[in-house]
Amino acid sequence: MQEAAAHLIGKHDFTTFRASICQANSPVKTLDELRIEAITRVTETEFQFHLRARSFLHNQVRSIVGTLERVGSGSWTPEDVGHALAARDRSQCGPVAPPDGLILTGVSYPYDPFAGNTD
């Protein structure tokens, strides 16, 4: 899955991974990090997906995770993810992962947007 994820790092047109109701002006986004962590439990392995970007499209993260799951299950090859991205076609995306477990872990700014605000 990490090999497949490498196709998505960087600045791309993410139309394939965008919801049809997305209201963003442009599907071009820059994905700075997409790291997959496998955590072995007694009876199973949990996969955690860590994505970092300046902004995301509607359902982009869930679409990426659902697509990468296809690679993990052996249904897709890592190259299939690159082809799906290049297609710029929503129908070429894997399934949208459910929202269960999706957690925003942080927001950062290059500067403090509230500095000097006394309200």
PDB file of N, CA and C in Angstrom:
ATOM      1  N   MET A   1       0.813  -1.190   0.000  1.00  0.00           N
ATOM      2  CA  MET A   1       0.000   0.000   0.000  1.00  0.00           C
ATOM      3  C   MET A   1       0.858   1.256   0.000  1.00  0.00           C
ATOM      4  N   GLN A   2       1.979   1.206   0.704  1.00  0.00           N
ATOM      5  CA  GLN A   2       2.849   2.389   0.730  1.00  0.00           C
ATOM      6  C   GLN A   2       3.412   2.688  -0.652  1.00  0.00           C
ATOM      7  N   GLU A   3       3.726   1.641  -1.400  1.00  0.00           N
ATOM      8  CA  GLU A   3       4.198   1.835  -2.778  1.00  0.00           C
ATOM      9  C   GLU A   3       3.110   2.510  -3.621  1.00  0.00           C
ATOM     10  N   ALA A   4       1.881   2.087  -3.450  1.00  0.00           N
ATOM     11  CA  ALA A   4       0.762   2.692  -4.172  1.00  0.00           C
ATOM     12  C   ALA A   4       0.552   4.132  -3.731  1.00  0.00           C
ATOM     13  N   ALA A   5       0.710   4.396  -2.444  1.00  0.00           N
ATOM     14  CA  ALA A   5       0.526   5.735  -1.891  1.00  0.00           C
ATOM     15  C   ALA A   5       1.508   6.729  -2.501  1.00  0.00           C
ATOM     16  N   ALA A   6       2.689   6.247  -2.885  1.00  0.00           N
ATOM     17  CA  ALA A   6       3.708   7.128  -3.461  1.00  0.00           C
ATOM     18  C   ALA A   6       3.209   7.814  -4.732  1.00  0.00           C
ATOM     19  N   HIS A   7       2.286   7.184  -5.451  1.00  0.00           N
ATOM     20  CA  HIS A   7       1.726   7.789  -6.665  1.00  0.00           C
ATOM     21  C   HIS A   7       0.916   9.050  -6.352  1.00  0.00           C
ATOM     22  N   LEU A   8       0.462   9.173  -5.119  1.00  0.00           N
ATOM     23  CA  LEU A   8      -0.433  10.270  -4.737  1.00  0.00           C
ATOM     24  C   LEU A   8       0.275  11.438  -4.076  1.00  0.00           C
ATOM     25  N   ILE A   9       1.517  11.258  -3.684  1.00  0.00           N
ATOM     26  CA  ILE A   9       2.279  12.317  -3.037  1.00  0.00           C
ATOM     27  C   ILE A   9       2.608  13.392  -4.059  1.00  0.00           C
ATOM     28  N   GLY A  10       2.479  14.645  -3.641  1.00  0.00           N
ATOM     29  CA  GLY A  10       2.815  15.760  -4.520  1.00  0.00           C
ATOM     30  C   GLY A  10       1.586  16.487  -5.021  1.00  0.00           C
ATOM     31  N   LYS A  11       1.817  17.364  -5.984  1.00  0.00           N
ATOM     32  CA  LYS A  11       0.739  18.188  -6.546  1.00  0.00           C
ATOM     33  C   LYS A  11       0.107  17.463  -7.728  1.00  0.00           C
ATOM     34  N   HIS A  12      -1.206  17.209  -7.616  1.00  0.00           N
ATOM     35  CA  HIS A  12      -1.918  16.466  -8.660  1.00  0.00           C
ATOM     36  C   HIS A  12      -3.337  16.990  -8.802  1.00  0.00           C
ATOM     37  N   ASP A  13      -3.955  16.643  -9.907  1.00  0.00           N
ATOM     38  CA  ASP A  13      -5.387  16.822 -10.090  1.00  0.00           C
ATOM     39  C   ASP A  13      -6.041  15.582  -9.466  1.00  0.00           C
ATOM     40  N   PHE A  14      -6.736  15.775  -8.340  1.00  0.00           N
ATOM     41  CA  PHE A  14      -7.331  14.671  -7.596  1.00  0.00           C
ATOM     42  C   PHE A  14      -8.807  14.463  -7.947  1.00  0.00           C
ATOM     43  N   THR A  15      -9.206  14.774  -9.177  1.00  0.00           N
ATOM     44  CA  THR A  15     -10.600  14.589  -9.578  1.00  0.00           C
ATOM     45  C   THR A  15     -11.089  13.175  -9.286  1.00  0.00           C
ATOM     46  N   THR A  16     -10.265  12.180  -9.512  1.00  0.00           N
ATOM     47  CA  THR A  16     -10.646  10.787  -9.260  1.00  0.00           C
ATOM     48  C   THR A  16     -11.040  10.571  -7.804  1.00  0.00           C
ATOM     49  N   PHE A  17     -10.447  11.305  -6.895  1.00  0.00           N
ATOM     50  CA  PHE A  17     -10.649  11.082  -5.465  1.00  0.00           C
ATOM     51  C   PHE A  17     -11.541  12.152  -4.822  1.00  0.00           C
ATOM     52  N   ARG A  18     -12.356  12.786  -5.616  1.00  0.00           N
ATOM     53  CA  ARG A  18     -13.194  13.892  -5.163  1.00  0.00           C
ATOM     54  C   ARG A  18     -14.665  13.501  -5.291  1.00  0.00           C
ATOM     55  N   ALA A  19     -15.462  13.865  -4.301  1.00  0.00           N
ATOM     56  CA  ALA A  19     -16.895  13.585  -4.357  1.00  0.00           C
ATOM     57  C   ALA A  19     -17.551  14.390  -5.475  1.00  0.00           C
ATOM     58  N   SER A  20     -18.591  13.836  -6.057  1.00  0.00           N
ATOM     59  CA  SER A  20     -19.296  14.538  -7.133  1.00  0.00           C
ATOM     60  C   SER A  20     -19.927  15.840  -6.646  1.00  0.00           C
ATOM     61  N   ILE A  21     -20.182  15.945  -5.344  1.00  0.00           N
ATOM     62  CA  ILE A  21     -20.778  17.170  -4.787  1.00  0.00           C
ATOM     63  C   ILE A  21     -19.735  18.138  -4.242  1.00  0.00           C
ATOM     64  N   CYS A  22     -18.468  17.863  -4.490  1.00  0.00           N
ATOM     65  CA  CYS A  22     -17.386  18.720  -3.996  1.00  0.00           C
ATOM     66  C   CYS A  22     -17.547  20.133  -4.557  1.00  0.00           C
ATOM     67  N   GLN A  23     -17.396  21.127  -3.694  1.00  0.00           N
ATOM     68  CA  GLN A  23     -17.572  22.518  -4.090  1.00  0.00           C
ATOM     69  C   GLN A  23     -16.256  23.278  -4.244  1.00  0.00           C
ATOM     70  N   ALA A  24     -15.134  22.582  -4.148  1.00  0.00           N
ATOM     71  CA  ALA A  24     -13.842  23.246  -4.306  1.00  0.00           C
ATOM     72  C   ALA A  24     -13.712  23.802  -5.718  1.00  0.00           C
ATOM     73  N   ASN A  25     -13.081  24.956  -5.839  1.00  0.00           N
ATOM     74  CA  ASN A  25     -12.892  25.590  -7.148  1.00  0.00           C
ATOM     75  C   ASN A  25     -11.974  24.788  -8.063  1.00  0.00           C
ATOM     76  N   SER A  26     -11.027  24.089  -7.470  1.00  0.00           N
ATOM     77  CA  SER A  26     -10.055  23.337  -8.264  1.00  0.00           C
ATOM     78  C   SER A  26      -9.795  21.977  -7.622  1.00  0.00           C
ATOM     79  N   PRO A  27      -9.660  20.916  -8.430  1.00  0.00           N
ATOM     80  CA  PRO A  27      -9.318  19.605  -7.900  1.00  0.00           C
ATOM     81  C   PRO A  27      -7.816  19.424  -7.701  1.00  0.00           C
ATOM     82  N   VAL A  28      -7.042  20.449  -8.013  1.00  0.00           N
ATOM     83  CA  VAL A  28      -5.584  20.356  -7.871  1.00  0.00           C
ATOM     84  C   VAL A  28      -5.210  20.642  -6.410  1.00  0.00           C
ATOM     85  N   LYS A  29      -4.591  19.665  -5.791  1.00  0.00           N
ATOM     86  CA  LYS A  29      -4.163  19.771  -4.396  1.00  0.00           C
ATOM     87  C   LYS A  29      -2.759  19.174  -4.283  1.00  0.00           C
ATOM     88  N   THR A  30      -2.082  19.527  -3.210  1.00  0.00           N
ATOM     89  CA  THR A  30      -0.759  18.973  -2.947  1.00  0.00           C
ATOM     90  C   THR A  30      -0.826  18.129  -1.688  1.00  0.00           C
ATOM     91  N   LEU A  31      -0.562  16.857  -1.847  1.00  0.00           N
ATOM     92  CA  LEU A  31      -0.521  15.929  -0.719  1.00  0.00           C
ATOM     93  C   LEU A  31       0.932  15.832  -0.271  1.00  0.00           C
ATOM     94  N   ASP A  32       1.218  16.361   0.905  1.00  0.00           N
ATOM     95  CA  ASP A  32       2.590  16.419   1.402  1.00  0.00           C
ATOM     96  C   ASP A  32       3.066  15.102   2.014  1.00  0.00           C
ATOM     97  N   GLU A  33       2.141  14.370   2.617  1.00  0.00           N
ATOM     98  CA  GLU A  33       2.524  13.119   3.284  1.00  0.00           C
ATOM     99  C   GLU A  33       1.369  12.138   3.215  1.00  0.00           C
ATOM    100  N   LEU A  34       1.681  10.902   2.942  1.00  0.00           N
ATOM    101  CA  LEU A  34       0.723   9.809   3.026  1.00  0.00           C
ATOM    102  C   LEU A  34       1.504   8.606   3.524  1.00  0.00           C
ATOM    103  N   ARG A  35       1.384   8.380   4.808  1.00  0.00           N
ATOM    104  CA  ARG A  35       2.155   7.314   5.463  1.00  0.00           C
ATOM    105  C   ARG A  35       1.176   6.293   6.031  1.00  0.00           C
ATOM    106  N   ILE A  36       1.497   5.029   5.865  1.00  0.00           N
ATOM    107  CA  ILE A  36       0.642   3.956   6.351  1.00  0.00           C
ATOM    108  C   ILE A  36       1.391   3.198   7.433  1.00  0.00           C
ATOM    109  N   GLU A  37       0.749   3.078   8.569  1.00  0.00           N
ATOM    110  CA  GLU A  37       1.357   2.417   9.723  1.00  0.00           C
ATOM    111  C   GLU A  37       0.551   1.160  10.051  1.00  0.00           C
ATOM    112  N   ALA A  38       1.218   0.021  10.105  1.00  0.00           N
ATOM    113  CA  ALA A  38       0.569  -1.241  10.470  1.00  0.00           C
ATOM    114  C   ALA A  38       0.833  -1.515  11.941  1.00  0.00           C
ATOM    115  N   ILE A  39      -0.236  -1.701  12.698  1.00  0.00           N
ATOM    116  CA  ILE A  39      -0.130  -1.990  14.124  1.00  0.00           C
ATOM    117  C   ILE A  39      -0.676  -3.390  14.357  1.00  0.00           C
ATOM    118  N   THR A  40       0.192  -4.286  14.787  1.00  0.00           N
ATOM    119  CA  THR A  40      -0.200  -5.664  14.993  1.00  0.00           C
ATOM    120  C   THR A  40      -0.828  -5.831  16.376  1.00  0.00           C
ATOM    121  N   ARG A  41      -2.023  -6.355  16.381  1.00  0.00           N
ATOM    122  CA  ARG A  41      -2.759  -6.683  17.608  1.00  0.00           C
ATOM    123  C   ARG A  41      -2.714  -8.204  17.783  1.00  0.00           C
ATOM    124  N   VAL A  42      -3.271  -8.687  18.863  1.00  0.00           N
ATOM    125  CA  VAL A  42      -3.258 -10.125  19.130  1.00  0.00           C
ATOM    126  C   VAL A  42      -3.963 -10.901  18.022  1.00  0.00           C
ATOM    127  N   THR A  43      -5.109 -10.417  17.570  1.00  0.00           N
ATOM    128  CA  THR A  43      -5.897 -11.162  16.588  1.00  0.00           C
ATOM    129  C   THR A  43      -5.989 -10.510  15.211  1.00  0.00           C
ATOM    130  N   GLU A  44      -5.416  -9.311  15.066  1.00  0.00           N
ATOM    131  CA  GLU A  44      -5.568  -8.604  13.794  1.00  0.00           C
ATOM    132  C   GLU A  44      -4.475  -7.559  13.618  1.00  0.00           C
ATOM    133  N   THR A  45      -4.435  -7.006  12.446  1.00  0.00           N
ATOM    134  CA  THR A  45      -3.538  -5.891  12.170  1.00  0.00           C
ATOM    135  C   THR A  45      -4.387  -4.672  11.854  1.00  0.00           C
ATOM    136  N   GLU A  46      -4.095  -3.576  12.521  1.00  0.00           N
ATOM    137  CA  GLU A  46      -4.793  -2.310  12.279  1.00  0.00           C
ATOM    138  C   GLU A  46      -3.892  -1.435  11.416  1.00  0.00           C
ATOM    139  N   PHE A  47      -4.479  -0.822  10.423  1.00  0.00           N
ATOM    140  CA  PHE A  47      -3.734   0.078   9.556  1.00  0.00           C
ATOM    141  C   PHE A  47      -4.168   1.508   9.844  1.00  0.00           C
ATOM    142  N   GLN A  48      -3.189   2.360  10.090  1.00  0.00           N
ATOM    143  CA  GLN A  48      -3.453   3.781  10.296  1.00  0.00           C
ATOM    144  C   GLN A  48      -2.861   4.543   9.122  1.00  0.00           C
ATOM    145  N   PHE A  49      -3.672   5.421   8.557  1.00  0.00           N
ATOM    146  CA  PHE A  49      -3.264   6.232   7.414  1.00  0.00           C
ATOM    147  C   PHE A  49      -3.048   7.656   7.900  1.00  0.00           C
ATOM    148  N   HIS A  50      -1.886   8.189   7.654  1.00  0.00           N
ATOM    149  CA  HIS A  50      -1.540   9.552   8.076  1.00  0.00           C
ATOM    150  C   HIS A  50      -1.370  10.395   6.815  1.00  0.00           C
ATOM    151  N   LEU A  51      -2.265  11.358   6.629  1.00  0.00           N
ATOM    152  CA  LEU A  51      -2.219  12.226   5.460  1.00  0.00           C
ATOM    153  C   LEU A  51      -2.037  13.656   5.920  1.00  0.00           C
ATOM    154  N   ARG A  52      -1.209  14.398   5.189  1.00  0.00           N
ATOM    155  CA  ARG A  52      -0.967  15.804   5.516  1.00  0.00           C
ATOM    156  C   ARG A  52      -0.990  16.601   4.226  1.00  0.00           C
ATOM    157  N   ALA A  53      -1.777  17.684   4.261  1.00  0.00           N
ATOM    158  CA  ALA A  53      -1.880  18.575   3.111  1.00  0.00           C
ATOM    159  C   ALA A  53      -2.369  19.926   3.601  1.00  0.00           C
ATOM    160  N   ARG A  54      -2.245  20.915   2.758  1.00  0.00           N
ATOM    161  CA  ARG A  54      -2.741  22.248   3.112  1.00  0.00           C
ATOM    162  C   ARG A  54      -4.264  22.258   3.125  1.00  0.00           C
ATOM    163  N   SER A  55      -4.865  21.492   2.224  1.00  0.00           N
ATOM    164  CA  SER A  55      -6.320  21.367   2.176  1.00  0.00           C
ATOM    165  C   SER A  55      -6.674  20.062   1.472  1.00  0.00           C
ATOM    166  N   PHE A  56      -7.928  19.644   1.674  1.00  0.00           N
ATOM    167  CA  PHE A  56      -8.419  18.410   1.070  1.00  0.00           C
ATOM    168  C   PHE A  56      -9.728  18.681   0.351  1.00  0.00           C
ATOM    169  N   LEU A  57     -10.033  17.840  -0.617  1.00  0.00           N
ATOM    170  CA  LEU A  57     -11.302  17.883  -1.321  1.00  0.00           C
ATOM    171  C   LEU A  57     -12.338  17.070  -0.543  1.00  0.00           C
ATOM    172  N   HIS A  58     -13.599  17.281  -0.847  1.00  0.00           N
ATOM    173  CA  HIS A  58     -14.683  16.526  -0.219  1.00  0.00           C
ATOM    174  C   HIS A  58     -14.486  15.033  -0.501  1.00  0.00           C
ATOM    175  N   ASN A  59     -14.414  14.237   0.545  1.00  0.00           N
ATOM    176  CA  ASN A  59     -14.219  12.773   0.484  1.00  0.00           C
ATOM    177  C   ASN A  59     -12.864  12.334  -0.055  1.00  0.00           C
ATOM    178  N   GLN A  60     -11.917  13.243  -0.198  1.00  0.00           N
ATOM    179  CA  GLN A  60     -10.614  12.865  -0.748  1.00  0.00           C
ATOM    180  C   GLN A  60      -9.910  11.817   0.111  1.00  0.00           C
ATOM    181  N   VAL A  61      -9.851  12.043   1.406  1.00  0.00           N
ATOM    182  CA  VAL A  61      -9.134  11.112   2.289  1.00  0.00           C
ATOM    183  C   VAL A  61      -9.824   9.753   2.295  1.00  0.00           C
ATOM    184  N   ARG A  62     -11.135   9.738   2.422  1.00  0.00           N
ATOM    185  CA  ARG A  62     -11.867   8.470   2.449  1.00  0.00           C
ATOM    186  C   ARG A  62     -11.740   7.727   1.117  1.00  0.00           C
ATOM    187  N   SER A  63     -11.705   8.458   0.016  1.00  0.00           N
ATOM    188  CA  SER A  63     -11.543   7.833  -1.298  1.00  0.00           C
ATOM    189  C   SER A  63     -10.147   7.252  -1.459  1.00  0.00           C
ATOM    190  N   ILE A  64      -9.154   7.959  -0.976  1.00  0.00           N
ATOM    191  CA  ILE A  64      -7.778   7.459  -1.037  1.00  0.00           C
ATOM    192  C   ILE A  64      -7.634   6.200  -0.192  1.00  0.00           C
ATOM    193  N   VAL A  65      -8.147   6.227   1.025  1.00  0.00           N
ATOM    194  CA  VAL A  65      -8.033   5.064   1.911  1.00  0.00           C
ATOM    195  C   VAL A  65      -8.762   3.863   1.318  1.00  0.00           C
ATOM    196  N   GLY A  66      -9.962   4.071   0.795  1.00  0.00           N
ATOM    197  CA  GLY A  66     -10.693   2.967   0.178  1.00  0.00           C
ATOM    198  C   GLY A  66      -9.971   2.379  -1.019  1.00  0.00           C
ATOM    199  N   THR A  67      -9.328   3.236  -1.786  1.00  0.00           N
ATOM    200  CA  THR A  67      -8.556   2.780  -2.942  1.00  0.00           C
ATOM    201  C   THR A  67      -7.312   2.013  -2.500  1.00  0.00           C
ATOM    202  N   LEU A  68      -6.623   2.528  -1.498  1.00  0.00           N
ATOM    203  CA  LEU A  68      -5.426   1.831  -1.009  1.00  0.00           C
ATOM    204  C   LEU A  68      -5.776   0.485  -0.363  1.00  0.00           C
ATOM    205  N   GLU A  69      -6.973   0.397   0.200  1.00  0.00           N
ATOM    206  CA  GLU A  69      -7.409  -0.883   0.763  1.00  0.00           C
ATOM    207  C   GLU A  69      -7.485  -1.936  -0.337  1.00  0.00           C
ATOM    208  N   ARG A  70      -7.869  -1.524  -1.534  1.00  0.00           N
ATOM    209  CA  ARG A  70      -7.919  -2.443  -2.673  1.00  0.00           C
ATOM    210  C   ARG A  70      -6.534  -3.012  -2.965  1.00  0.00           C
ATOM    211  N   VAL A  71      -5.521  -2.172  -2.837  1.00  0.00           N
ATOM    212  CA  VAL A  71      -4.143  -2.642  -3.033  1.00  0.00           C
ATOM    213  C   VAL A  71      -3.771  -3.610  -1.915  1.00  0.00           C
ATOM    214  N   GLY A  72      -4.109  -3.259  -0.679  1.00  0.00           N
ATOM    215  CA  GLY A  72      -3.796  -4.123   0.456  1.00  0.00           C
ATOM    216  C   GLY A  72      -4.473  -5.484   0.379  1.00  0.00           C
ATOM    217  N   SER A  73      -5.659  -5.518  -0.204  1.00  0.00           N
ATOM    218  CA  SER A  73      -6.389  -6.788  -0.322  1.00  0.00           C
ATOM    219  C   SER A  73      -5.941  -7.606  -1.522  1.00  0.00           C
ATOM    220  N   GLY A  74      -5.119  -6.998  -2.385  1.00  0.00           N
ATOM    221  CA  GLY A  74      -4.614  -7.701  -3.559  1.00  0.00           C
ATOM    222  C   GLY A  74      -5.474  -7.541  -4.805  1.00  0.00           C
ATOM    223  N   SER A  75      -6.540  -6.748  -4.704  1.00  0.00           N
ATOM    224  CA  SER A  75      -7.418  -6.532  -5.864  1.00  0.00           C
ATOM    225  C   SER A  75      -6.798  -5.590  -6.891  1.00  0.00           C
ATOM    226  N   TRP A  76      -5.983  -4.667  -6.421  1.00  0.00           N
ATOM    227  CA  TRP A  76      -5.321  -3.682  -7.289  1.00  0.00           C
ATOM    228  C   TRP A  76      -3.821  -3.793  -7.106  1.00  0.00           C
ATOM    229  N   THR A  77      -3.079  -3.367  -8.106  1.00  0.00           N
ATOM    230  CA  THR A  77      -1.629  -3.240  -7.983  1.00  0.00           C
ATOM    231  C   THR A  77      -1.319  -1.789  -7.610  1.00  0.00           C
ATOM    232  N   PRO A  78      -0.140  -1.517  -7.113  1.00  0.00           N
ATOM    233  CA  PRO A  78       0.230  -0.120  -6.847  1.00  0.00           C
ATOM    234  C   PRO A  78       0.124   0.748  -8.103  1.00  0.00           C
ATOM    235  N   GLU A  79       0.441   0.189  -9.262  1.00  0.00           N
ATOM    236  CA  GLU A  79       0.368   0.945 -10.505  1.00  0.00           C
ATOM    237  C   GLU A  79      -1.073   1.320 -10.847  1.00  0.00           C
ATOM    238  N   ASP A  80      -2.039   0.500 -10.435  1.00  0.00           N
ATOM    239  CA  ASP A  80      -3.455   0.811 -10.683  1.00  0.00           C
ATOM    240  C   ASP A  80      -3.849   2.130 -10.029  1.00  0.00           C
ATOM    241  N   VAL A  81      -3.249   2.444  -8.894  1.00  0.00           N
ATOM    242  CA  VAL A  81      -3.553   3.705  -8.210  1.00  0.00           C
ATOM    243  C   VAL A  81      -3.050   4.874  -9.049  1.00  0.00           C
ATOM    244  N   GLY A  82      -1.862   4.750  -9.608  1.00  0.00           N
ATOM    245  CA  GLY A  82      -1.340   5.791 -10.487  1.00  0.00           C
ATOM    246  C   GLY A  82      -2.212   5.979 -11.717  1.00  0.00           C
ATOM    247  N   HIS A  83      -2.703   4.889 -12.280  1.00  0.00           N
ATOM    248  CA  HIS A  83      -3.581   4.969 -13.449  1.00  0.00           C
ATOM    249  C   HIS A  83      -4.912   5.633 -13.078  1.00  0.00           C
ATOM    250  N   ALA A  84      -5.440   5.303 -11.901  1.00  0.00           N
ATOM    251  CA  ALA A  84      -6.699   5.904 -11.451  1.00  0.00           C
ATOM    252  C   ALA A  84      -6.529   7.412 -11.279  1.00  0.00           C
ATOM    253  N   LEU A  85      -5.432   7.824 -10.684  1.00  0.00           N
ATOM    254  CA  LEU A  85      -5.159   9.253 -10.496  1.00  0.00           C
ATOM    255  C   LEU A  85      -5.089   9.952 -11.848  1.00  0.00           C
ATOM    256  N   ALA A  86      -4.371   9.365 -12.781  1.00  0.00           N
ATOM    257  CA  ALA A  86      -4.186   9.971 -14.104  1.00  0.00           C
ATOM    258  C   ALA A  86      -5.491  10.037 -14.898  1.00  0.00           C
ATOM    259  N   ALA A  87      -6.428   9.142 -14.611  1.00  0.00           N
ATOM    260  CA  ALA A  87      -7.683   9.094 -15.352  1.00  0.00           C
ATOM    261  C   ALA A  87      -8.550  10.333 -15.104  1.00  0.00           C
ATOM    262  N   ARG A  88      -8.385  10.962 -13.951  1.00  0.00           N
ATOM    263  CA  ARG A  88      -9.222  12.119 -13.584  1.00  0.00           C
ATOM    264  C   ARG A  88     -10.701  11.804 -13.792  1.00  0.00           C
ATOM    265  N   ASP A  89     -11.078  10.617 -13.313  1.00  0.00           N
ATOM    266  CA  ASP A  89     -12.436  10.108 -13.508  1.00  0.00           C
ATOM    267  C   ASP A  89     -12.880   9.418 -12.221  1.00  0.00           C
ATOM    268  N   ARG A  90     -13.910   9.932 -11.598  1.00  0.00           N
ATOM    269  CA  ARG A  90     -14.395   9.415 -10.320  1.00  0.00           C
ATOM    270  C   ARG A  90     -14.714   7.924 -10.397  1.00  0.00           C
ATOM    271  N   SER A  91     -15.157   7.454 -11.534  1.00  0.00           N
ATOM    272  CA  SER A  91     -15.514   6.036 -11.657  1.00  0.00           C
ATOM    273  C   SER A  91     -14.291   5.118 -11.574  1.00  0.00           C
ATOM    274  N   GLN A  92     -13.092   5.669 -11.680  1.00  0.00           N
ATOM    275  CA  GLN A  92     -11.860   4.879 -11.612  1.00  0.00           C
ATOM    276  C   GLN A  92     -11.332   4.728 -10.191  1.00  0.00           C
ATOM    277  N   CYS A  93     -12.001   5.360  -9.238  1.00  0.00           N
ATOM    278  CA  CYS A  93     -11.595   5.320  -7.826  1.00  0.00           C
ATOM    279  C   CYS A  93     -12.092   4.035  -7.176  1.00  0.00           C
ATOM    280  N   GLY A  94     -11.401   3.614  -6.149  1.00  0.00           N
ATOM    281  CA  GLY A  94     -11.896   2.514  -5.339  1.00  0.00           C
ATOM    282  C   GLY A  94     -13.074   2.995  -4.506  1.00  0.00           C
ATOM    283  N   PRO A  95     -13.584   2.148  -3.624  1.00  0.00           N
ATOM    284  CA  PRO A  95     -14.724   2.538  -2.794  1.00  0.00           C
ATOM    285  C   PRO A  95     -14.336   3.617  -1.791  1.00  0.00           C
ATOM    286  N   VAL A  96     -15.308   4.403  -1.392  1.00  0.00           N
ATOM    287  CA  VAL A  96     -15.091   5.418  -0.358  1.00  0.00           C
ATOM    288  C   VAL A  96     -15.117   4.698   0.990  1.00  0.00           C
ATOM    289  N   ALA A  97     -14.050   4.825   1.756  1.00  0.00           N
ATOM    290  CA  ALA A  97     -13.984   4.189   3.073  1.00  0.00           C
ATOM    291  C   ALA A  97     -15.016   4.834   3.999  1.00  0.00           C
ATOM    292  N   PRO A  98     -15.542   4.061   4.935  1.00  0.00           N
ATOM    293  CA  PRO A  98     -16.510   4.636   5.880  1.00  0.00           C
ATOM    294  C   PRO A  98     -15.831   5.670   6.774  1.00  0.00           C
ATOM    295  N   PRO A  99     -16.606   6.594   7.333  1.00  0.00           N
ATOM    296  CA  PRO A  99     -16.021   7.641   8.164  1.00  0.00           C
ATOM    297  C   PRO A  99     -15.588   7.159   9.547  1.00  0.00           C
ATOM    298  N   ASP A 100     -15.993   5.963   9.943  1.00  0.00           N
ATOM    299  CA  ASP A 100     -15.646   5.435  11.265  1.00  0.00           C
ATOM    300  C   ASP A 100     -14.134   5.435  11.449  1.00  0.00           C
ATOM    301  N   GLY A 101     -13.675   6.034  12.497  1.00  0.00           N
ATOM    302  CA  GLY A 101     -12.251   6.046  12.792  1.00  0.00           C
ATOM    303  C   GLY A 101     -11.484   7.176  12.146  1.00  0.00           C
ATOM    304  N   LEU A 102     -12.143   7.978  11.326  1.00  0.00           N
ATOM    305  CA  LEU A 102     -11.474   9.121  10.701  1.00  0.00           C
ATOM    306  C   LEU A 102     -11.318  10.212  11.751  1.00  0.00           C
ATOM    307  N   ILE A 103     -10.084  10.612  12.010  1.00  0.00           N
ATOM    308  CA  ILE A 103      -9.795  11.563  13.084  1.00  0.00           C
ATOM    309  C   ILE A 103      -8.888  12.666  12.562  1.00  0.00           C
ATOM    310  N   LEU A 104      -9.293  13.906  12.811  1.00  0.00           N
ATOM    311  CA  LEU A 104      -8.422  15.049  12.534  1.00  0.00           C
ATOM    312  C   LEU A 104      -7.509  15.187  13.744  1.00  0.00           C
ATOM    313  N   THR A 105      -6.220  15.005  13.530  1.00  0.00           N
ATOM    314  CA  THR A 105      -5.295  15.014  14.660  1.00  0.00           C
ATOM    315  C   THR A 105      -4.614  16.348  14.886  1.00  0.00           C
ATOM    316  N   GLY A 106      -4.750  17.265  13.941  1.00  0.00           N
ATOM    317  CA  GLY A 106      -4.118  18.552  14.174  1.00  0.00           C
ATOM    318  C   GLY A 106      -4.291  19.505  13.018  1.00  0.00           C
ATOM    319  N   VAL A 107      -4.187  20.765  13.360  1.00  0.00           N
ATOM    320  CA  VAL A 107      -4.210  21.847  12.386  1.00  0.00           C
ATOM    321  C   VAL A 107      -3.051  22.755  12.735  1.00  0.00           C
ATOM    322  N   SER A 108      -2.262  23.119  11.749  1.00  0.00           N
ATOM    323  CA  SER A 108      -1.146  24.020  12.021  1.00  0.00           C
ATOM    324  C   SER A 108      -1.130  25.119  10.976  1.00  0.00           C
ATOM    325  N   TYR A 109      -0.563  26.235  11.345  1.00  0.00           N
ATOM    326  CA  TYR A 109      -0.447  27.391  10.468  1.00  0.00           C
ATOM    327  C   TYR A 109       1.003  27.841  10.437  1.00  0.00           C
ATOM    328  N   PRO A 110       1.461  28.405   9.319  1.00  0.00           N
ATOM    329  CA  PRO A 110       2.835  28.891   9.270  1.00  0.00           C
ATOM    330  C   PRO A 110       3.022  30.123  10.155  1.00  0.00           C
ATOM    331  N   TYR A 111       1.922  30.691  10.606  1.00  0.00           N
ATOM    332  CA  TYR A 111       1.945  31.841  11.510  1.00  0.00           C
ATOM    333  C   TYR A 111       0.710  31.714  12.405  1.00  0.00           C
ATOM    334  N   ASP A 112       0.654  32.448  13.485  1.00  0.00           N
ATOM    335  CA  ASP A 112      -0.493  32.411  14.392  1.00  0.00           C
ATOM    336  C   ASP A 112      -1.570  33.354  13.855  1.00  0.00           C
ATOM    337  N   PRO A 113      -2.686  32.817  13.323  1.00  0.00           N
ATOM    338  CA  PRO A 113      -3.714  33.681  12.739  1.00  0.00           C
ATOM    339  C   PRO A 113      -4.450  34.517  13.769  1.00  0.00           C
ATOM    340  N   PHE A 114      -4.262  34.206  15.049  1.00  0.00           N
ATOM    341  CA  PHE A 114      -4.966  34.915  16.115  1.00  0.00           C
ATOM    342  C   PHE A 114      -4.064  35.861  16.892  1.00  0.00           C
ATOM    343  N   ALA A 115      -2.810  35.974  16.509  1.00  0.00           N
ATOM    344  CA  ALA A 115      -1.896  36.855  17.205  1.00  0.00           C
ATOM    345  C   ALA A 115      -2.378  38.300  17.087  1.00  0.00           C
ATOM    346  N   GLY A 116      -2.378  38.985  18.176  1.00  0.00           N
ATOM    347  CA  GLY A 116      -2.774  40.377  18.185  1.00  0.00           C
ATOM    348  C   GLY A 116      -4.256  40.598  18.249  1.00  0.00           C
ATOM    349  N   ASN A 117      -5.042  39.530  18.156  1.00  0.00           N
ATOM    350  CA  ASN A 117      -6.491  39.650  18.235  1.00  0.00           C
ATOM    351  C   ASN A 117      -6.904  39.628  19.699  1.00  0.00           C
ATOM    352  N   THR A 118      -7.489  40.669  20.185  1.00  0.00           N
ATOM    353  CA  THR A 118      -7.858  40.763  21.613  1.00  0.00           C
ATOM    354  C   THR A 118      -9.348  40.538  21.828  1.00  0.00           C
ATOM    355  N   ASP A 119     -10.088  40.202  20.788  1.00  0.00           N
ATOM    356  CA  ASP A 119     -11.538  39.972  20.946  1.00  0.00           C
ATOM    357  C   ASP A 119     -11.830  38.670  21.638  1.00  0.00           C
TER     358      ASP A 119
END
